Protein backbone atom coordinates (compact mmCIF):
# COMPACT_ATOMS: atom_id res chain seq x y z
CA MET A 1 106.15 147.58 103.31
CA ARG A 2 108.84 146.78 100.74
CA ARG A 3 110.90 145.07 103.42
CA ILE A 4 107.99 142.83 104.38
CA ILE A 5 107.36 141.87 100.76
CA ALA A 6 111.07 141.22 100.19
CA ALA A 7 111.29 139.13 103.37
CA ALA A 8 108.19 137.15 102.35
CA GLY A 9 109.68 136.54 98.90
CA MET A 10 112.94 135.31 100.42
CA LEU A 11 111.02 133.04 102.79
CA ILE A 12 109.01 131.53 99.93
CA ALA A 13 112.16 131.04 97.83
CA SER A 14 114.02 129.36 100.69
CA THR A 15 111.03 127.12 101.43
CA GLN A 16 110.82 126.04 97.78
CA THR A 17 114.57 125.32 97.74
CA ALA A 18 114.28 123.26 100.93
CA GLN A 19 111.41 121.25 99.41
CA ALA A 20 113.33 120.73 96.19
CA ALA A 21 116.47 119.35 97.88
CA ASP A 22 116.59 117.38 101.13
CA GLN A 23 119.96 117.16 102.84
CA ILE A 24 120.99 113.78 104.23
CA TRP A 25 124.10 112.98 106.25
CA LEU A 26 125.60 109.52 105.82
CA THR A 27 128.55 107.93 107.59
CA MET A 28 131.17 106.32 105.39
CA ASP A 29 130.80 102.51 105.07
CA GLN A 30 127.30 102.53 106.55
CA VAL A 31 123.86 102.04 105.01
CA ARG A 32 120.78 104.11 105.80
CA PRO A 33 117.24 103.23 104.67
CA TYR A 34 115.27 106.00 102.96
CA GLN A 35 111.59 105.94 102.05
CA LEU A 36 110.46 107.88 98.98
CA GLU A 37 107.27 109.93 99.02
CA HIS A 38 106.50 109.01 95.39
CA PRO A 39 107.31 105.82 93.47
CA ALA A 40 110.59 106.08 91.57
CA GLN A 41 111.15 104.97 88.01
CA SER A 42 114.85 105.86 87.86
CA ILE A 43 117.57 107.17 90.15
CA VAL A 44 120.76 109.00 89.20
CA VAL A 45 123.71 109.39 91.59
CA GLY A 46 125.87 112.46 90.99
CA ASN A 47 129.15 110.91 92.15
CA PRO A 48 128.93 107.18 92.89
CA ALA A 49 132.43 107.26 94.38
CA ILE A 50 131.00 109.28 97.32
CA ALA A 51 127.58 107.65 97.79
CA ASP A 52 125.46 104.99 96.16
CA VAL A 53 121.94 103.65 96.34
CA THR A 54 120.43 100.17 96.35
CA VAL A 55 116.78 99.94 95.31
CA ARG A 56 114.62 97.65 97.42
CA ASP A 57 111.38 98.57 95.64
CA ASN A 58 109.99 101.69 93.97
CA THR A 59 109.48 103.53 97.29
CA ASN A 60 112.30 102.15 99.48
CA VAL A 61 116.03 102.54 98.90
CA LEU A 62 119.22 102.05 100.89
CA LEU A 63 121.72 104.92 100.82
CA PHE A 64 125.38 103.95 101.21
CA GLY A 65 128.18 106.36 102.16
CA LYS A 66 131.37 105.36 100.31
CA ALA A 67 133.82 108.24 100.80
CA PRO A 68 133.82 111.63 102.53
CA GLY A 69 132.37 114.36 100.37
CA LEU A 70 129.28 115.92 98.86
CA THR A 71 127.10 114.67 96.01
CA ASN A 72 123.43 114.47 95.11
CA ILE A 73 120.90 111.87 94.04
CA TYR A 74 118.03 112.70 91.67
CA ILE A 75 114.89 110.58 91.73
CA PHE A 76 112.60 110.53 88.69
CA ASP A 77 108.99 109.34 88.41
CA GLU A 78 107.39 107.22 85.66
CA ARG A 79 106.92 110.36 83.50
CA GLY A 80 110.66 111.08 83.72
CA GLU A 81 110.13 114.15 85.90
CA ALA A 82 112.45 114.84 88.82
CA VAL A 83 110.48 114.35 92.04
CA LYS A 84 113.34 114.57 94.55
CA ASN A 85 116.87 115.91 94.76
CA LEU A 86 118.74 114.51 97.76
CA ILE A 87 121.87 116.37 98.78
CA ILE A 88 124.14 113.70 100.27
CA ARG A 89 126.94 114.60 102.67
CA VAL A 90 129.20 111.72 103.67
CA ARG A 91 131.37 112.00 106.77
CA THR A 92 134.00 109.69 108.16
CA PRO A 93 133.22 107.80 111.34
CA SER A 94 134.93 109.77 114.08
CA ALA A 95 134.20 107.68 117.16
CA ASP A 96 136.78 104.93 117.67
CA MET A 97 139.00 106.30 114.87
CA LEU A 98 142.58 107.50 115.31
CA THR A 99 144.56 109.35 112.64
CA VAL A 100 148.36 109.32 112.83
CA HIS A 101 150.40 111.83 110.83
CA ARG A 102 154.06 111.09 110.09
CA GLY A 103 155.12 114.19 108.18
CA ALA A 104 152.88 114.29 105.13
CA ALA A 105 151.98 110.58 105.44
CA ARG A 106 148.70 109.77 107.17
CA THR A 107 147.40 106.43 108.47
CA THR A 108 143.97 105.87 110.00
CA TYR A 109 143.28 103.27 112.68
CA ASN A 110 140.00 101.77 113.84
CA CYS A 111 140.23 101.43 117.62
CA THR A 112 136.94 99.65 118.38
CA THR A 113 138.74 97.01 120.50
CA ASN A 114 142.37 97.09 119.35
CA CYS A 115 143.77 99.80 117.12
CA GLU A 116 144.15 98.34 113.61
CA ALA A 117 144.98 100.17 110.40
CA THR A 118 141.96 100.65 108.20
CA ILE A 119 141.33 101.81 104.63
CA THR A 120 140.49 105.52 104.62
CA VAL A 121 140.47 107.87 101.64
CA GLY A 122 143.35 110.33 102.01
CA ASP A 123 145.73 107.96 103.80
CA GLU A 124 149.29 107.41 102.55
CA ASN A 125 149.25 105.33 99.33
CA THR A 126 151.56 102.48 100.39
CA THR A 127 149.70 101.78 103.64
CA PHE A 128 146.32 102.20 101.94
CA ASN A 129 147.23 99.79 99.14
CA ASP A 130 148.76 97.23 101.53
CA ILE A 131 145.62 97.17 103.68
CA ALA A 132 143.33 97.14 100.62
CA THR A 133 145.23 94.12 99.25
CA GLN A 134 144.89 92.29 102.58
CA VAL A 135 141.16 93.01 102.73
CA GLN A 136 140.66 91.89 99.12
CA ASN A 137 142.61 88.66 99.79
CA LYS A 138 140.45 88.00 102.85
CA TYR A 139 137.23 88.47 100.85
CA SER A 140 138.52 86.34 97.97
CA GLN A 141 139.46 83.55 100.35
CA ALA A 142 136.09 83.71 102.11
CA ALA A 143 134.26 83.66 98.77
CA SER A 144 136.31 80.66 97.62
CA LEU A 145 135.58 78.77 100.85
CA ALA A 146 131.87 79.59 100.58
CA GLN A 147 131.83 78.05 97.10
CA GLY A 148 133.47 74.86 98.37
CA GLY A 149 137.09 75.73 97.55
CA ASP A 150 140.01 74.45 99.61
CA GLU A 151 141.70 76.70 102.14
CA GLU A 152 145.35 77.26 101.34
């Protein structure tokens, strides 16, 4: 009888934990819509370097995976009470990705059509920074052209 009571207690505890925290998998650099069960007044992201959220309205948000890792997002109602704890796990996209190791140095390539180096957390600093600079220059140039600037 004690075993049945203990098993029932463990089942109830695990069910309450599962209701308290939903686990969501995100892929790095991708957005996933998420609908809230209750209207949110405020949202707090544990580690915004891993994942972030964009609020569309008080019941619809977009979850964005930024870097591989684990964090959580707490959602609070108008009374300031926590109504949801989302456990967020962000993974790297594995399809069409190639990782090359040269000793301790690592470079990641996106091979969707042609293999091209891409920015990936954990890659060798020089390659990462070179690619990041190129990407930033591309975005700056596009933004300038969109605002009517001259192409140089």
